[in-house]
Amino acid sequence: MMTTLAGIDFSAPSHEVAPQLIGVTLLINGVGGRIVETEAYDREEPASHCYGGETPRNFSMFGPPARSYVYQSHGIHWCLNFVCREPGHGAGVLIRALEPLDDAEGLAKMCARRGLDEPRLLCSGPGRLGQALGVTRALNDLPLAQAPFELLPREREVVVLAGPRIGISKAVELPWRFVEAGSRFLSKPMRRV
């Protein structure tokens, strides 16, 4: 079982994996960009889908690591997570935002899926990202080391900032949101802690 991809050990805790993903390139069927925003979740904290235990909805988040967990938010948006930790634990990283690659074909596909032309808004939020990359439930529980996924290591060093997660009402004090400093592609600016 491969748990190391793009130089990241996905068997580590999600709050350690999440900042390492900043700057990594994510492609789904050849379309994507650099990850600029993530959030970590773990079964030990009440904001996680795993907090109440394994269910038919969240089973893939219980492992093995380096697989996908896809869920639908508010009945409309498909959101992509990367599973972490050992099988049975229940942890993952939500991919919140990408900086789209400057690839004409990929940008055209993302723009068509989103119905807009502004690159900054294509993948700035987990729902937008899911729509732009064509994420559906069919991508749930798949290995990240195989097609349609491709993860490429950082090409340069990045400065990563940590702060509180957004859009949740529980465990808000945990600084488990990670962003690339200075990125204009974030879902929301980083709050000061």
Protein backbone atom coordinates (compact mmCIF):
# COMPACT_ATOMS: atom_id res chain seq x y z
CA MET A 1 0.00 0.00 0.00
CA MET A 2 1.56 3.28 -1.15
CA THR A 3 1.16 6.05 1.41
CA THR A 4 3.87 8.44 0.18
CA LEU A 5 3.02 10.65 -2.80
CA ALA A 6 4.64 13.90 -3.97
CA GLY A 7 7.06 13.49 -1.05
CA ILE A 8 4.26 13.46 1.55
CA ASP A 9 3.57 10.58 3.94
CA PHE A 10 -0.23 10.33 4.06
CA SER A 11 -0.08 7.96 7.05
CA ALA A 12 0.85 11.00 9.19
CA PRO A 13 -1.77 13.03 11.12
CA SER A 14 -3.94 15.21 8.89
CA HIS A 15 -2.77 18.47 10.52
CA GLU A 16 0.79 17.53 9.48
CA VAL A 17 -0.17 16.47 5.94
CA ALA A 18 -2.34 19.53 5.22
CA PRO A 19 0.44 22.18 5.25
CA GLN A 20 2.73 19.91 3.23
CA LEU A 21 0.11 19.83 0.45
CA ILE A 22 0.36 23.60 -0.08
CA GLY A 23 2.26 24.09 -3.36
CA VAL A 24 1.70 20.50 -4.56
CA THR A 25 0.08 20.22 -8.00
CA LEU A 26 -3.20 18.28 -8.14
CA LEU A 27 -4.52 17.04 -11.48
CA ILE A 28 -7.72 15.11 -12.14
CA ASN A 29 -7.80 13.71 -15.66
CA GLY A 30 -5.02 16.18 -16.51
CA VAL A 31 -6.89 19.27 -15.26
CA GLY A 32 -5.97 21.16 -12.10
CA GLY A 33 -3.41 23.39 -10.44
CA ARG A 34 -1.31 24.12 -7.38
CA ILE A 35 -2.97 23.56 -4.01
CA VAL A 36 -3.06 26.87 -2.12
CA GLU A 37 -5.52 26.12 0.71
CA THR A 38 -6.33 23.05 2.82
CA GLU A 39 -8.03 22.14 6.09
CA ALA A 40 -7.27 19.18 8.35
CA TYR A 41 -9.90 17.03 10.05
CA ASP A 42 -9.57 14.16 12.55
CA ARG A 43 -12.05 11.85 14.29
CA GLU A 44 -10.94 13.22 17.66
CA GLU A 45 -12.51 16.65 17.00
CA PRO A 46 -16.24 17.36 16.53
CA ALA A 47 -16.01 19.26 13.19
CA SER A 48 -14.85 16.09 11.42
CA HIS A 49 -17.22 13.86 9.45
CA CYS A 50 -15.53 10.96 11.32
CA TYR A 51 -16.32 12.24 14.81
CA GLY A 52 -19.38 10.03 15.28
CA GLY A 53 -17.76 6.93 13.79
CA GLU A 54 -17.88 5.18 10.44
CA THR A 55 -21.03 5.49 8.30
CA PRO A 56 -21.94 4.66 4.69
CA ARG A 57 -21.22 8.32 3.83
CA ASN A 58 -17.76 8.62 5.42
CA PHE A 59 -16.40 5.04 5.21
CA SER A 60 -13.58 5.99 2.84
CA MET A 61 -12.17 8.49 5.34
CA PHE A 62 -11.33 5.57 7.62
CA GLY A 63 -8.59 4.43 5.30
CA PRO A 64 -6.37 3.32 3.94
CA PRO A 65 -4.40 6.57 3.59
CA ALA A 66 -3.60 8.26 0.25
CA ARG A 67 -7.12 7.73 -1.06
CA SER A 68 -9.94 10.12 -1.88
CA TYR A 69 -12.95 10.96 0.24
CA VAL A 70 -15.67 12.81 -1.70
CA TYR A 71 -18.84 14.11 -0.11
CA GLN A 72 -21.66 16.39 -1.16
CA SER A 73 -22.04 19.64 0.75
CA HIS A 74 -25.46 21.32 1.08
CA GLY A 75 -26.80 18.83 -1.47
CA ILE A 76 -25.05 20.56 -4.39
CA HIS A 77 -21.26 20.83 -4.08
CA TRP A 78 -18.90 17.85 -4.35
CA CYS A 79 -15.88 18.32 -2.06
CA LEU A 80 -12.56 16.49 -2.31
CA ASN A 81 -10.53 15.24 0.66
CA PHE A 82 -7.34 13.20 0.94
CA VAL A 83 -7.42 10.42 3.55
CA CYS A 84 -4.67 10.36 6.20
CA ARG A 85 -3.50 8.18 9.09
CA GLU A 86 -3.66 4.42 9.47
CA PRO A 87 -6.67 2.41 8.29
CA GLY A 88 -9.50 2.62 10.80
CA HIS A 89 -8.49 5.98 12.32
CA GLY A 90 -10.67 8.44 10.36
CA ALA A 91 -8.84 11.58 9.24
CA GLY A 92 -8.39 13.65 6.11
CA VAL A 93 -7.50 16.90 4.44
CA LEU A 94 -10.11 19.00 2.63
CA ILE A 95 -8.70 20.58 -0.54
CA ARG A 96 -10.17 24.10 -0.32
CA ALA A 97 -8.51 26.01 -3.18
CA LEU A 98 -6.19 25.71 -6.18
CA GLU A 99 -4.28 28.15 -8.33
CA PRO A 100 -5.20 26.86 -11.81
CA LEU A 101 -2.35 25.85 -14.08
CA ASP A 102 -1.68 28.20 -16.98
CA ASP A 103 -2.74 25.52 -19.46
CA ALA A 104 -5.14 26.64 -22.17
CA GLU A 105 -6.90 23.27 -22.52
CA GLY A 106 -7.27 22.75 -18.77
CA LEU A 107 -8.41 26.33 -18.19
CA ALA A 108 -10.98 25.99 -20.97
CA LYS A 109 -12.41 22.84 -19.34
CA MET A 110 -12.56 24.49 -15.90
CA CYS A 111 -14.18 27.65 -17.32
CA ALA A 112 -16.79 25.59 -19.18
CA ARG A 113 -17.61 23.55 -16.06
CA ARG A 114 -17.92 26.68 -13.93
CA GLY A 115 -19.54 28.90 -16.57
CA LEU A 116 -17.09 31.77 -16.07
CA ASP A 117 -13.79 33.12 -17.36
CA GLU A 118 -12.13 34.53 -14.22
CA PRO A 119 -9.22 32.19 -13.26
CA ARG A 120 -9.15 33.49 -9.66
CA LEU A 121 -12.71 32.28 -9.08
CA LEU A 122 -12.43 28.87 -10.76
CA CYS A 123 -11.15 26.90 -7.75
CA SER A 124 -11.36 29.34 -4.81
CA GLY A 125 -13.42 27.23 -2.44
CA PRO A 126 -14.08 23.51 -2.08
CA GLY A 127 -17.38 23.57 -4.02
CA ARG A 128 -15.96 25.66 -6.85
CA LEU A 129 -12.87 23.45 -6.97
CA GLY A 130 -15.02 20.33 -7.15
CA GLN A 131 -17.08 21.72 -10.01
CA ALA A 132 -14.03 23.02 -11.95
CA LEU A 133 -12.21 19.68 -11.67
CA GLY A 134 -15.27 17.55 -12.43
CA VAL A 135 -15.37 15.94 -8.97
CA THR A 136 -18.34 13.64 -8.35
CA ARG A 137 -19.14 10.78 -5.99
CA ALA A 138 -17.60 8.46 -8.63
CA LEU A 139 -14.17 9.68 -7.45
CA ASN A 140 -14.78 8.58 -3.85
CA ASP A 141 -12.46 5.98 -2.29
CA LEU A 142 -9.94 5.90 -5.15
CA PRO A 143 -6.14 5.71 -4.72
CA LEU A 144 -4.46 9.08 -5.20
CA ALA A 145 -1.48 7.29 -6.79
CA GLN A 146 -3.54 6.26 -9.84
CA ALA A 147 -5.55 7.88 -12.61
CA PRO A 148 -7.61 9.96 -12.68
CA PHE A 149 -5.51 11.57 -9.91
CA GLU A 150 -1.98 12.88 -10.22
CA LEU A 151 -0.05 14.64 -7.45
CA LEU A 152 3.21 16.38 -8.35
CA PRO A 153 5.72 17.64 -5.76
CA ARG A 154 6.24 21.33 -5.04
CA GLU A 155 8.37 23.02 -7.68
CA ARG A 156 9.45 25.75 -5.27
CA GLU A 157 9.38 26.55 -1.59
CA VAL A 158 6.23 28.24 -0.31
CA VAL A 159 5.40 30.15 2.86
CA VAL A 160 2.48 28.45 4.61
CA LEU A 161 0.25 30.25 7.11
CA ALA A 162 -1.98 28.47 9.64
CA GLY A 163 -5.21 29.68 11.17
CA PRO A 164 -8.74 28.67 12.19
CA ARG A 165 -10.85 26.63 9.80
CA ILE A 166 -13.84 28.34 8.20
CA GLY A 167 -17.47 27.40 7.64
CA ILE A 168 -17.69 25.27 10.80
CA SER A 169 -19.23 25.82 14.23
CA LYS A 170 -17.33 23.22 16.29
CA ALA A 171 -13.63 23.02 17.18
CA VAL A 172 -13.16 26.46 15.63
CA GLU A 173 -10.16 27.13 17.86
CA LEU A 174 -7.95 24.58 16.09
CA PRO A 175 -5.50 26.30 13.70
CA TRP A 176 -5.96 23.62 11.03
CA ARG A 177 -6.54 25.80 7.97
CA PHE A 178 -3.40 26.20 5.89
CA VAL A 179 -2.83 28.65 3.05
CA GLU A 180 -0.06 29.82 0.77
CA ALA A 181 0.97 33.29 1.95
CA GLY A 182 0.08 35.97 -0.58
CA SER A 183 -2.04 33.74 -2.81
CA ARG A 184 -4.92 35.54 -4.55
CA PHE A 185 -6.67 32.20 -5.19
CA LEU A 186 -7.81 31.50 -1.60
CA SER A 187 -11.48 30.95 -0.78
CA LYS A 188 -11.27 33.69 1.86
CA PRO A 189 -8.41 35.74 3.30
CA MET A 190 -6.69 34.25 6.34
CA ARG A 191 -8.03 35.65 9.61
CA ARG A 192 -5.51 36.90 12.11
CA VAL A 193 -5.33 34.79 15.27
